[in-house]
mmCIF file of all heavy atoms, coordinates in Angstrom:
data_MODEL
# 
_entry.id   MODEL 
# 
loop_
_atom_site.group_PDB 
_atom_site.id 
_atom_site.type_symbol 
_atom_site.label_atom_id 
_atom_site.label_alt_id 
_atom_site.label_comp_id 
_atom_site.label_asym_id 
_atom_site.label_entity_id 
_atom_site.label_seq_id 
_atom_site.pdbx_PDB_ins_code 
_atom_site.Cartn_x 
_atom_site.Cartn_y 
_atom_site.Cartn_z 
_atom_site.occupancy 
_atom_site.B_iso_or_equiv 
_atom_site.pdbx_formal_charge 
_atom_site.auth_seq_id 
_atom_site.auth_comp_id 
_atom_site.auth_asym_id 
_atom_site.auth_atom_id 
_atom_site.pdbx_PDB_model_num 
ATOM 1   N N   . ILE A 1 1  ? -39.412 -29.084 -58.234 1.00 0.00 ? 1  ILE A N   1 
ATOM 2   C CA  . ILE A 1 1  ? -40.176 -29.013 -57.002 1.00 0.00 ? 1  ILE A CA  1 
ATOM 3   C C   . ILE A 1 1  ? -41.563 -28.461 -57.291 1.00 0.00 ? 1  ILE A C   1 
ATOM 4   O O   . ILE A 1 1  ? -41.683 -27.406 -57.894 1.00 0.00 ? 1  ILE A O   1 
ATOM 5   C CB  . ILE A 1 1  ? -39.467 -28.106 -55.975 1.00 0.00 ? 1  ILE A CB  1 
ATOM 6   C CG1 . ILE A 1 1  ? -38.087 -28.693 -55.644 1.00 0.00 ? 1  ILE A CG1 1 
ATOM 7   C CG2 . ILE A 1 1  ? -40.293 -27.942 -54.712 1.00 0.00 ? 1  ILE A CG2 1 
ATOM 8   C CD1 . ILE A 1 1  ? -37.252 -27.788 -54.769 1.00 0.00 ? 1  ILE A CD1 1 
ATOM 9   N N   . THR A 1 2  ? -42.548 -29.187 -56.923 1.00 0.00 ? 2  THR A N   1 
ATOM 10  C CA  . THR A 1 2  ? -43.930 -28.741 -57.161 1.00 0.00 ? 2  THR A CA  1 
ATOM 11  C C   . THR A 1 2  ? -44.397 -27.934 -55.976 1.00 0.00 ? 2  THR A C   1 
ATOM 12  O O   . THR A 1 2  ? -44.204 -28.301 -54.811 1.00 0.00 ? 2  THR A O   1 
ATOM 13  C CB  . THR A 1 2  ? -44.861 -29.960 -57.314 1.00 0.00 ? 2  THR A CB  1 
ATOM 14  O OG1 . THR A 1 2  ? -44.358 -30.761 -58.394 1.00 0.00 ? 2  THR A OG1 1 
ATOM 15  C CG2 . THR A 1 2  ? -46.293 -29.529 -57.605 1.00 0.00 ? 2  THR A CG2 1 
ATOM 16  N N   . ALA A 1 3  ? -45.015 -26.775 -56.245 1.00 0.00 ? 3  ALA A N   1 
ATOM 17  C CA  . ALA A 1 3  ? -45.493 -25.933 -55.172 1.00 0.00 ? 3  ALA A CA  1 
ATOM 18  C C   . ALA A 1 3  ? -46.553 -26.656 -54.341 1.00 0.00 ? 3  ALA A C   1 
ATOM 19  O O   . ALA A 1 3  ? -47.415 -27.324 -54.871 1.00 0.00 ? 3  ALA A O   1 
ATOM 20  C CB  . ALA A 1 3  ? -46.093 -24.654 -55.758 1.00 0.00 ? 3  ALA A CB  1 
ATOM 21  N N   . SER A 1 4  ? -46.433 -26.557 -53.042 1.00 0.00 ? 4  SER A N   1 
ATOM 22  C CA  . SER A 1 4  ? -47.388 -27.205 -52.143 1.00 0.00 ? 4  SER A CA  1 
ATOM 23  C C   . SER A 1 4  ? -48.135 -26.142 -51.377 1.00 0.00 ? 4  SER A C   1 
ATOM 24  O O   . SER A 1 4  ? -47.861 -24.965 -51.485 1.00 0.00 ? 4  SER A O   1 
ATOM 25  C CB  . SER A 1 4  ? -46.643 -28.129 -51.162 1.00 0.00 ? 4  SER A CB  1 
ATOM 26  O OG  . SER A 1 4  ? -45.826 -27.338 -50.311 1.00 0.00 ? 4  SER A OG  1 
ATOM 27  N N   . ALA A 1 5  ? -49.098 -26.587 -50.585 1.00 0.00 ? 5  ALA A N   1 
ATOM 28  C CA  . ALA A 1 5  ? -49.882 -25.637 -49.784 1.00 0.00 ? 5  ALA A CA  1 
ATOM 29  C C   . ALA A 1 5  ? -48.986 -24.873 -48.844 1.00 0.00 ? 5  ALA A C   1 
ATOM 30  O O   . ALA A 1 5  ? -49.245 -23.711 -48.501 1.00 0.00 ? 5  ALA A O   1 
ATOM 31  C CB  . ALA A 1 5  ? -50.950 -26.397 -49.006 1.00 0.00 ? 5  ALA A CB  1 
ATOM 32  N N   . ALA A 1 6  ? -47.886 -25.518 -48.409 1.00 0.00 ? 6  ALA A N   1 
ATOM 33  C CA  . ALA A 1 6  ? -46.958 -24.851 -47.493 1.00 0.00 ? 6  ALA A CA  1 
ATOM 34  C C   . ALA A 1 6  ? -46.235 -23.687 -48.129 1.00 0.00 ? 6  ALA A C   1 
ATOM 35  O O   . ALA A 1 6  ? -45.669 -22.837 -47.442 1.00 0.00 ? 6  ALA A O   1 
ATOM 36  C CB  . ALA A 1 6  ? -45.940 -25.876 -46.972 1.00 0.00 ? 6  ALA A CB  1 
ATOM 37  N N   . ASP A 1 7  ? -46.212 -23.638 -49.480 1.00 0.00 ? 7  ASP A N   1 
ATOM 38  C CA  . ASP A 1 7  ? -45.521 -22.572 -50.188 1.00 0.00 ? 7  ASP A CA  1 
ATOM 39  C C   . ASP A 1 7  ? -46.429 -21.397 -50.480 1.00 0.00 ? 7  ASP A C   1 
ATOM 40  O O   . ASP A 1 7  ? -45.982 -20.367 -51.003 1.00 0.00 ? 7  ASP A O   1 
ATOM 41  C CB  . ASP A 1 7  ? -44.963 -23.087 -51.525 1.00 0.00 ? 7  ASP A CB  1 
ATOM 42  C CG  . ASP A 1 7  ? -43.893 -24.116 -51.315 1.00 0.00 ? 7  ASP A CG  1 
ATOM 43  O OD1 . ASP A 1 7  ? -43.143 -23.993 -50.351 1.00 0.00 ? 7  ASP A OD1 1 
ATOM 44  O OD2 . ASP A 1 7  ? -43.803 -25.045 -52.144 1.00 0.00 ? 7  ASP A OD2 1 
ATOM 45  N N   . LYS A 1 8  ? -47.713 -21.517 -50.177 1.00 0.00 ? 8  LYS A N   1 
ATOM 46  C CA  . LYS A 1 8  ? -48.680 -20.498 -50.565 1.00 0.00 ? 8  LYS A CA  1 
ATOM 47  C C   . LYS A 1 8  ? -48.982 -19.566 -49.392 1.00 0.00 ? 8  LYS A C   1 
ATOM 48  O O   . LYS A 1 8  ? -49.184 -19.985 -48.277 1.00 0.00 ? 8  LYS A O   1 
ATOM 49  C CB  . LYS A 1 8  ? -49.983 -21.168 -51.055 1.00 0.00 ? 8  LYS A CB  1 
ATOM 50  C CG  . LYS A 1 8  ? -49.774 -22.006 -52.312 1.00 0.00 ? 8  LYS A CG  1 
ATOM 51  C CD  . LYS A 1 8  ? -51.048 -22.690 -52.745 1.00 0.00 ? 8  LYS A CD  1 
ATOM 52  C CE  . LYS A 1 8  ? -50.838 -23.548 -53.984 1.00 0.00 ? 8  LYS A CE  1 
ATOM 53  N NZ  . LYS A 1 8  ? -52.069 -24.245 -54.405 1.00 0.00 ? 8  LYS A NZ  1 
ATOM 54  N N   . THR A 1 9  ? -49.003 -18.289 -49.713 1.00 0.00 ? 9  THR A N   1 
ATOM 55  C CA  . THR A 1 9  ? -49.281 -17.286 -48.688 1.00 0.00 ? 9  THR A CA  1 
ATOM 56  C C   . THR A 1 9  ? -50.605 -16.608 -48.983 1.00 0.00 ? 9  THR A C   1 
ATOM 57  O O   . THR A 1 9  ? -51.067 -16.557 -50.134 1.00 0.00 ? 9  THR A O   1 
ATOM 58  C CB  . THR A 1 9  ? -48.168 -16.219 -48.640 1.00 0.00 ? 9  THR A CB  1 
ATOM 59  O OG1 . THR A 1 9  ? -48.511 -15.240 -47.692 1.00 0.00 ? 9  THR A OG1 1 
ATOM 60  C CG2 . THR A 1 9  ? -47.949 -15.588 -49.994 1.00 0.00 ? 9  THR A CG2 1 
ATOM 61  N N   . ALA A 1 10 ? -51.225 -16.092 -47.943 1.00 0.00 ? 10 ALA A N   1 
ATOM 62  C CA  . ALA A 1 10 ? -52.492 -15.366 -48.117 1.00 0.00 ? 10 ALA A CA  1 
ATOM 63  C C   . ALA A 1 10 ? -52.261 -13.965 -48.653 1.00 0.00 ? 10 ALA A C   1 
ATOM 64  O O   . ALA A 1 10 ? -53.225 -13.265 -48.993 1.00 0.00 ? 10 ALA A O   1 
ATOM 65  C CB  . ALA A 1 10 ? -53.231 -15.318 -46.789 1.00 0.00 ? 10 ALA A CB  1 
ATOM 66  N N   . TYR A 1 11 ? -51.008 -13.538 -48.741 1.00 0.00 ? 11 TYR A N   1 
ATOM 67  C CA  . TYR A 1 11 ? -50.699 -12.161 -49.114 1.00 0.00 ? 11 TYR A CA  1 
ATOM 68  C C   . TYR A 1 11 ? -50.253 -12.104 -50.581 1.00 0.00 ? 11 TYR A C   1 
ATOM 69  O O   . TYR A 1 11 ? -49.270 -12.730 -50.969 1.00 0.00 ? 11 TYR A O   1 
ATOM 70  C CB  . TYR A 1 11 ? -49.595 -11.609 -48.227 1.00 0.00 ? 11 TYR A CB  1 
ATOM 71  C CG  . TYR A 1 11 ? -49.983 -11.594 -46.744 1.00 0.00 ? 11 TYR A CG  1 
ATOM 72  C CD1 . TYR A 1 11 ? -49.709 -12.699 -45.941 1.00 0.00 ? 11 TYR A CD1 1 
ATOM 73  C CD2 . TYR A 1 11 ? -50.642 -10.514 -46.186 1.00 0.00 ? 11 TYR A CD2 1 
ATOM 74  C CE1 . TYR A 1 11 ? -50.075 -12.715 -44.604 1.00 0.00 ? 11 TYR A CE1 1 
ATOM 75  C CE2 . TYR A 1 11 ? -51.019 -10.509 -44.851 1.00 0.00 ? 11 TYR A CE2 1 
ATOM 76  C CZ  . TYR A 1 11 ? -50.738 -11.621 -44.062 1.00 0.00 ? 11 TYR A CZ  1 
ATOM 77  O OH  . TYR A 1 11 ? -51.105 -11.626 -42.768 1.00 0.00 ? 11 TYR A OH  1 
ATOM 78  N N   . ASP A 1 12 ? -51.001 -11.355 -51.383 1.00 0.00 ? 12 ASP A N   1 
ATOM 79  C CA  . ASP A 1 12 ? -50.655 -11.183 -52.797 1.00 0.00 ? 12 ASP A CA  1 
ATOM 80  C C   . ASP A 1 12 ? -49.662 -10.037 -52.915 1.00 0.00 ? 12 ASP A C   1 
ATOM 81  O O   . ASP A 1 12 ? -50.023 -8.912  -53.249 1.00 0.00 ? 12 ASP A O   1 
ATOM 82  C CB  . ASP A 1 12 ? -51.938 -10.883 -53.585 1.00 0.00 ? 12 ASP A CB  1 
ATOM 83  C CG  . ASP A 1 12 ? -51.654 -10.634 -55.062 1.00 0.00 ? 12 ASP A CG  1 
ATOM 84  O OD1 . ASP A 1 12 ? -50.557 -10.959 -55.527 1.00 0.00 ? 12 ASP A OD1 1 
ATOM 85  O OD2 . ASP A 1 12 ? -52.553 -10.074 -55.744 1.00 0.00 ? 12 ASP A OD2 1 
ATOM 86  N N   . TRP A 1 13 ? -48.397 -10.340 -52.663 1.00 0.00 ? 13 TRP A N   1 
ATOM 87  C CA  . TRP A 1 13 ? -47.377 -9.291  -52.627 1.00 0.00 ? 13 TRP A CA  1 
ATOM 88  C C   . TRP A 1 13 ? -47.270 -8.554  -53.951 1.00 0.00 ? 13 TRP A C   1 
ATOM 89  O O   . TRP A 1 13 ? -47.251 -7.315  -54.005 1.00 0.00 ? 13 TRP A O   1 
ATOM 90  C CB  . TRP A 1 13 ? -46.017 -9.852  -52.237 1.00 0.00 ? 13 TRP A CB  1 
ATOM 91  C CG  . TRP A 1 13 ? -45.993 -10.464 -50.867 1.00 0.00 ? 13 TRP A CG  1 
ATOM 92  C CD1 . TRP A 1 13 ? -45.761 -11.767 -50.543 1.00 0.00 ? 13 TRP A CD1 1 
ATOM 93  C CD2 . TRP A 1 13 ? -46.221 -9.774  -49.631 1.00 0.00 ? 13 TRP A CD2 1 
ATOM 94  N NE1 . TRP A 1 13 ? -45.833 -11.937 -49.179 1.00 0.00 ? 13 TRP A NE1 1 
ATOM 95  C CE2 . TRP A 1 13 ? -46.109 -10.724 -48.594 1.00 0.00 ? 13 TRP A CE2 1 
ATOM 96  C CE3 . TRP A 1 13 ? -46.502 -8.457  -49.279 1.00 0.00 ? 13 TRP A CE3 1 
ATOM 97  C CZ2 . TRP A 1 13 ? -46.249 -10.409 -47.255 1.00 0.00 ? 13 TRP A CZ2 1 
ATOM 98  C CZ3 . TRP A 1 13 ? -46.665 -8.132  -47.935 1.00 0.00 ? 13 TRP A CZ3 1 
ATOM 99  C CH2 . TRP A 1 13 ? -46.532 -9.084  -46.953 1.00 0.00 ? 13 TRP A CH2 1 
ATOM 100 N N   . SER A 1 14 ? -47.179 -9.295  -55.048 1.00 0.00 ? 14 SER A N   1 
ATOM 101 C CA  . SER A 1 14 ? -47.001 -8.634  -56.349 1.00 0.00 ? 14 SER A CA  1 
ATOM 102 C C   . SER A 1 14 ? -48.189 -7.748  -56.695 1.00 0.00 ? 14 SER A C   1 
ATOM 103 O O   . SER A 1 14 ? -48.027 -6.647  -57.226 1.00 0.00 ? 14 SER A O   1 
ATOM 104 C CB  . SER A 1 14 ? -46.781 -9.671  -57.452 1.00 0.00 ? 14 SER A CB  1 
ATOM 105 O OG  . SER A 1 14 ? -47.895 -10.548 -57.566 1.00 0.00 ? 14 SER A OG  1 
ATOM 106 N N   . GLY A 1 15 ? -49.384 -8.207  -56.353 1.00 0.00 ? 15 GLY A N   1 
ATOM 107 C CA  . GLY A 1 15 ? -50.577 -7.404  -56.615 1.00 0.00 ? 15 GLY A CA  1 
ATOM 108 C C   . GLY A 1 15 ? -50.627 -6.157  -55.745 1.00 0.00 ? 15 GLY A C   1 
ATOM 109 O O   . GLY A 1 15 ? -50.922 -5.064  -56.246 1.00 0.00 ? 15 GLY A O   1 
ATOM 110 N N   . MET A 1 16 ? -50.329 -6.290  -54.470 1.00 0.00 ? 16 MET A N   1 
ATOM 111 C CA  . MET A 1 16 ? -50.399 -5.130  -53.565 1.00 0.00 ? 16 MET A CA  1 
ATOM 112 C C   . MET A 1 16 ? -49.306 -4.104  -53.889 1.00 0.00 ? 16 MET A C   1 
ATOM 113 O O   . MET A 1 16 ? -49.559 -2.904  -53.828 1.00 0.00 ? 16 MET A O   1 
ATOM 114 C CB  . MET A 1 16 ? -50.258 -5.597  -52.113 1.00 0.00 ? 16 MET A CB  1 
ATOM 115 C CG  . MET A 1 16 ? -51.477 -6.357  -51.603 1.00 0.00 ? 16 MET A CG  1 
ATOM 116 S SD  . MET A 1 16 ? -51.440 -6.690  -49.804 1.00 0.00 ? 16 MET A SD  1 
ATOM 117 C CE  . MET A 1 16 ? -50.044 -7.855  -49.699 1.00 0.00 ? 16 MET A CE  1 
ATOM 118 N N   . LEU A 1 17 ? -48.133 -4.567  -54.290 1.00 0.00 ? 17 LEU A N   1 
ATOM 119 C CA  . LEU A 1 17 ? -47.040 -3.646  -54.547 1.00 0.00 ? 17 LEU A CA  1 
ATOM 120 C C   . LEU A 1 17 ? -47.234 -2.870  -55.858 1.00 0.00 ? 17 LEU A C   1 
ATOM 121 O O   . LEU A 1 17 ? -46.495 -1.918  -56.149 1.00 0.00 ? 17 LEU A O   1 
ATOM 122 C CB  . LEU A 1 17 ? -45.703 -4.368  -54.558 1.00 0.00 ? 17 LEU A CB  1 
ATOM 123 C CG  . LEU A 1 17 ? -45.243 -4.860  -53.181 1.00 0.00 ? 17 LEU A CG  1 
ATOM 124 C CD1 . LEU A 1 17 ? -44.023 -5.768  -53.312 1.00 0.00 ? 17 LEU A CD1 1 
ATOM 125 C CD2 . LEU A 1 17 ? -44.926 -3.690  -52.259 1.00 0.00 ? 17 LEU A CD2 1 
ATOM 126 N N   . LYS A 1 18 ? -48.234 -3.267  -56.640 1.00 0.00 ? 18 LYS A N   1 
ATOM 127 C CA  . LYS A 1 18 ? -48.563 -2.540  -57.856 1.00 0.00 ? 18 LYS A CA  1 
ATOM 128 C C   . LYS A 1 18 ? -49.582 -1.428  -57.612 1.00 0.00 ? 18 LYS A C   1 
ATOM 129 O O   . LYS A 1 18 ? -49.882 -0.642  -58.521 1.00 0.00 ? 18 LYS A O   1 
ATOM 130 C CB  . LYS A 1 18 ? -49.105 -3.502  -58.921 1.00 0.00 ? 18 LYS A CB  1 
ATOM 131 C CG  . LYS A 1 18 ? -48.088 -4.482  -59.471 1.00 0.00 ? 18 LYS A CG  1 
ATOM 132 C CD  . LYS A 1 18 ? -48.728 -5.468  -60.430 1.00 0.00 ? 18 LYS A CD  1 
ATOM 133 C CE  . LYS A 1 18 ? -47.719 -6.489  -60.924 1.00 0.00 ? 18 LYS A CE  1 
ATOM 134 N NZ  . LYS A 1 18 ? -48.328 -7.531  -61.804 1.00 0.00 ? 18 LYS A NZ  1 
ATOM 135 N N   . LYS A 1 19 ? -50.115 -1.348  -56.408 1.00 0.00 ? 19 LYS A N   1 
ATOM 136 C CA  . LYS A 1 19 ? -51.128 -0.357  -56.117 1.00 0.00 ? 19 LYS A CA  1 
ATOM 137 C C   . LYS A 1 19 ? -50.542 1.052   -56.046 1.00 0.00 ? 19 LYS A C   1 
ATOM 138 O O   . LYS A 1 19 ? -49.332 1.232   -55.832 1.00 0.00 ? 19 LYS A O   1 
ATOM 139 C CB  . LYS A 1 19 ? -51.823 -0.718  -54.791 1.00 0.00 ? 19 LYS A CB  1 
ATOM 140 C CG  . LYS A 1 19 ? -52.693 -1.969  -54.880 1.00 0.00 ? 19 LYS A CG  1 
ATOM 141 C CD  . LYS A 1 19 ? -53.422 -2.223  -53.576 1.00 0.00 ? 19 LYS A CD  1 
ATOM 142 C CE  . LYS A 1 19 ? -54.329 -3.469  -53.687 1.00 0.00 ? 19 LYS A CE  1 
ATOM 143 N NZ  . LYS A 1 19 ? -55.459 -3.250  -54.630 1.00 0.00 ? 19 LYS A NZ  1 
ATOM 144 N N   . ASP A 1 20 ? -51.407 2.033   -56.222 1.00 0.00 ? 20 ASP A N   1 
ATOM 145 C CA  . ASP A 1 20 ? -50.979 3.439   -56.161 1.00 0.00 ? 20 ASP A CA  1 
ATOM 146 C C   . ASP A 1 20 ? -50.444 3.751   -54.755 1.00 0.00 ? 20 ASP A C   1 
ATOM 147 O O   . ASP A 1 20 ? -50.833 3.146   -53.741 1.00 0.00 ? 20 ASP A O   1 
ATOM 148 C CB  . ASP A 1 20 ? -52.152 4.363   -56.453 1.00 0.00 ? 20 ASP A CB  1 
ATOM 149 C CG  . ASP A 1 20 ? -52.620 4.258   -57.895 1.00 0.00 ? 20 ASP A CG  1 
ATOM 150 O OD1 . ASP A 1 20 ? -51.833 3.805   -58.743 1.00 0.00 ? 20 ASP A OD1 1 
ATOM 151 O OD2 . ASP A 1 20 ? -53.811 4.598   -58.153 1.00 0.00 ? 20 ASP A OD2 1 
ATOM 152 N N   . ASP A 1 21 ? -49.568 4.753   -54.701 1.00 0.00 ? 21 ASP A N   1 
ATOM 153 C CA  . ASP A 1 21 ? -48.964 5.155   -53.429 1.00 0.00 ? 21 ASP A CA  1 
ATOM 154 C C   . ASP A 1 21 ? -49.999 5.456   -52.370 1.00 0.00 ? 21 ASP A C   1 
ATOM 155 O O   . ASP A 1 21 ? -49.822 5.121   -51.192 1.00 0.00 ? 21 ASP A O   1 
ATOM 156 C CB  . ASP A 1 21 ? -48.075 6.386   -53.657 1.00 0.00 ? 21 ASP A CB  1 
ATOM 157 C CG  . ASP A 1 21 ? -46.787 6.049   -54.390 1.00 0.00 ? 21 ASP A CG  1 
ATOM 158 O OD1 . ASP A 1 21 ? -46.446 4.850   -54.483 1.00 0.00 ? 21 ASP A OD1 1 
ATOM 159 O OD2 . ASP A 1 21 ? -46.148 6.996   -54.891 1.00 0.00 ? 21 ASP A OD2 1 
ATOM 160 N N   . SER A 1 22 ? -51.095 6.092   -52.752 1.00 0.00 ? 22 SER A N   1 
ATOM 161 C CA  . SER A 1 22 ? -52.109 6.495   -51.787 1.00 0.00 ? 22 SER A CA  1 
ATOM 162 C C   . SER A 1 22 ? -52.718 5.307   -51.044 1.00 0.00 ? 22 SER A C   1 
ATOM 163 O O   . SER A 1 22 ? -53.145 5.441   -49.902 1.00 0.00 ? 22 SER A O   1 
ATOM 164 C CB  . SER A 1 22 ? -53.206 7.312   -52.465 1.00 0.00 ? 22 SER A CB  1 
ATOM 165 O OG  . SER A 1 22 ? -53.838 6.525   -53.487 1.00 0.00 ? 22 SER A OG  1 
ATOM 166 N N   . TRP A 1 23 ? -52.748 4.157   -51.679 1.00 0.00 ? 23 TRP A N   1 
ATOM 167 C CA  . TRP A 1 23 ? -53.330 2.955   -51.056 1.00 0.00 ? 23 TRP A CA  1 
ATOM 168 C C   . TRP A 1 23 ? -52.563 2.573   -49.791 1.00 0.00 ? 23 TRP A C   1 
ATOM 169 O O   . TRP A 1 23 ? -53.123 2.012   -48.857 1.00 0.00 ? 23 TRP A O   1 
ATOM 170 C CB  . TRP A 1 23 ? -53.340 1.785   -52.017 1.00 0.00 ? 23 TRP A CB  1 
ATOM 171 C CG  . TRP A 1 23 ? -53.958 0.545   -51.433 1.00 0.00 ? 23 TRP A CG  1 
ATOM 172 C CD1 . TRP A 1 23 ? -55.297 0.253   -51.327 1.00 0.00 ? 23 TRP A CD1 1 
ATOM 173 C CD2 . TRP A 1 23 ? -53.285 -0.579  -50.861 1.00 0.00 ? 23 TRP A CD2 1 
ATOM 174 N NE1 . TRP A 1 23 ? -55.472 -0.961  -50.710 1.00 0.00 ? 23 TRP A NE1 1 
ATOM 175 C CE2 . TRP A 1 23 ? -54.251 -1.495  -50.429 1.00 0.00 ? 23 TRP A CE2 1 
ATOM 176 C CE3 . TRP A 1 23 ? -51.925 -0.884  -50.682 1.00 0.00 ? 23 TRP A CE3 1 
ATOM 177 C CZ2 . TRP A 1 23 ? -53.918 -2.708  -49.815 1.00 0.00 ? 23 TRP A CZ2 1 
ATOM 178 C CZ3 . TRP A 1 23 ? -51.593 -2.083  -50.088 1.00 0.00 ? 23 TRP A CZ3 1 
ATOM 179 C CH2 . TRP A 1 23 ? -52.587 -2.985  -49.656 1.00 0.00 ? 23 TRP A CH2 1 
ATOM 180 N N   . PHE A 1 24 ? -51.261 2.891   -49.746 1.00 0.00 ? 24 PHE A N   1 
ATOM 181 C CA  . PHE A 1 24 ? -50.430 2.458   -48.652 1.00 0.00 ? 24 PHE A CA  1 
ATOM 182 C C   . PHE A 1 24 ? -50.659 3.287   -47.367 1.00 0.00 ? 24 PHE A C   1 
ATOM 183 O O   . PHE A 1 24 ? -50.038 3.027   -46.348 1.00 0.00 ? 24 PHE A O   1 
ATOM 184 C CB  . PHE A 1 24 ? -48.953 2.484   -49.059 1.00 0.00 ? 24 PHE A CB  1 
ATOM 185 C CG  . PHE A 1 24 ? -48.638 1.379   -50.041 1.00 0.00 ? 24 PHE A CG  1 
ATOM 186 C CD1 . PHE A 1 24 ? -48.786 1.571   -51.397 1.00 0.00 ? 24 PHE A CD1 1 
ATOM 187 C CD2 . PHE A 1 24 ? -48.244 0.138   -49.586 1.00 0.00 ? 24 PHE A CD2 1 
ATOM 188 C CE1 . PHE A 1 24 ? -48.542 0.539   -52.297 1.00 0.00 ? 24 PHE A CE1 1 
ATOM 189 C CE2 . PHE A 1 24 ? -47.977 -0.912  -50.478 1.00 0.00 ? 24 PHE A CE2 1 
ATOM 190 C CZ  . PHE A 1 24 ? -48.132 -0.710  -51.835 1.00 0.00 ? 24 PHE A CZ  1 
ATOM 191 N N   . ASN A 1 25 ? -51.610 4.196   -47.454 1.00 0.00 ? 25 ASN A N   1 
ATOM 192 C CA  . ASN A 1 25 ? -52.060 4.914   -46.255 1.00 0.00 ? 25 ASN A CA  1 
ATOM 193 C C   . ASN A 1 25 ? -53.466 4.475   -45.861 1.00 0.00 ? 25 ASN A C   1 
ATOM 194 O O   . ASN A 1 25 ? -54.084 5.045   -44.976 1.00 0.00 ? 25 ASN A O   1 
ATOM 195 C CB  . ASN A 1 25 ? -52.028 6.428   -46.500 1.00 0.00 ? 25 ASN A CB  1 
ATOM 196 C CG  . ASN A 1 25 ? -52.174 7.214   -45.226 1.00 0.00 ? 25 ASN A CG  1 
ATOM 197 O OD1 . ASN A 1 25 ? -51.836 6.739   -44.129 1.00 0.00 ? 25 ASN A OD1 1 
ATOM 198 N ND2 . ASN A 1 25 ? -52.695 8.436   -45.320 1.00 0.00 ? 25 ASN A ND2 1 
ATOM 199 N N   . SER A 1 26 ? -53.948 3.403   -46.496 1.00 0.00 ? 26 SER A N   1 
ATOM 200 C CA  . SER A 1 26 ? -55.305 2.931   -46.225 1.00 0.00 ? 26 SER A CA  1 
ATOM 201 C C   . SER A 1 26 ? -55.320 1.966   -45.045 1.00 0.00 ? 26 SER A C   1 
ATOM 202 O O   . SER A 1 26 ? -54.276 1.442   -44.641 1.00 0.00 ? 26 SER A O   1 
ATOM 203 C CB  . SER A 1 26 ? -55.862 2.213   -47.456 1.00 0.00 ? 26 SER A CB  1 
ATOM 204 O OG  . SER A 1 26 ? -55.173 0.983   -47.660 1.00 0.00 ? 26 SER A OG  1 
ATOM 205 N N   . SER A 1 27 ? -56.494 1.693   -44.524 1.00 0.00 ? 27 SER A N   1 
ATOM 206 C CA  . SER A 1 27 ? -56.616 0.776   -43.409 1.00 0.00 ? 27 SER A CA  1 
ATOM 207 C C   . SER A 1 27 ? -56.192 -0.647  -43.820 1.00 0.00 ? 27 SER A C   1 
ATOM 208 O O   . SER A 1 27 ? -55.627 -1.384  -43.003 1.00 0.00 ? 27 SER A O   1 
ATOM 209 C CB  . SER A 1 27 ? -58.059 0.770   -42.886 1.00 0.00 ? 27 SER A CB  1 
ATOM 210 O OG  . SER A 1 27 ? -58.971 0.415   -43.901 1.00 0.00 ? 27 SER A OG  1 
ATOM 211 N N   . ASP A 1 28 ? -56.474 -1.013  -45.053 1.00 0.00 ? 28 ASP A N   1 
ATOM 212 C CA  . ASP A 1 28 ? -56.080 -2.335  -45.547 1.00 0.00 ? 28 ASP A CA  1 
ATOM 213 C C   . ASP A 1 28 ? -54.562 -2.482  -45.548 1.00 0.00 ? 28 ASP A C   1 
ATOM 214 O O   . ASP A 1 28 ? -54.015 -3.503  -45.106 1.00 0.00 ? 28 ASP A O   1 
ATOM 215 C CB  . ASP A 1 28 ? -56.628 -2.585  -46.947 1.00 0.00 ? 28 ASP A CB  1 
ATOM 216 C CG  . ASP A 1 28 ? -58.130 -2.840  -46.952 1.00 0.00 ? 28 ASP A CG  1 
ATOM 217 O OD1 . ASP A 1 28 ? -58.691 -3.151  -45.882 1.00 0.00 ? 28 ASP A OD1 1 
ATOM 218 O OD2 . ASP A 1 28 ? -58.737 -2.717  -48.042 1.00 0.00 ? 28 ASP A OD2 1 
# 
């Protein structure tokens, strides 16, 4: 199965979940 546009999200989960704990209290 080839990834399509329907499979793509605007949220970089793996990248965000690697951030420091303090970031999770930020406005972003």
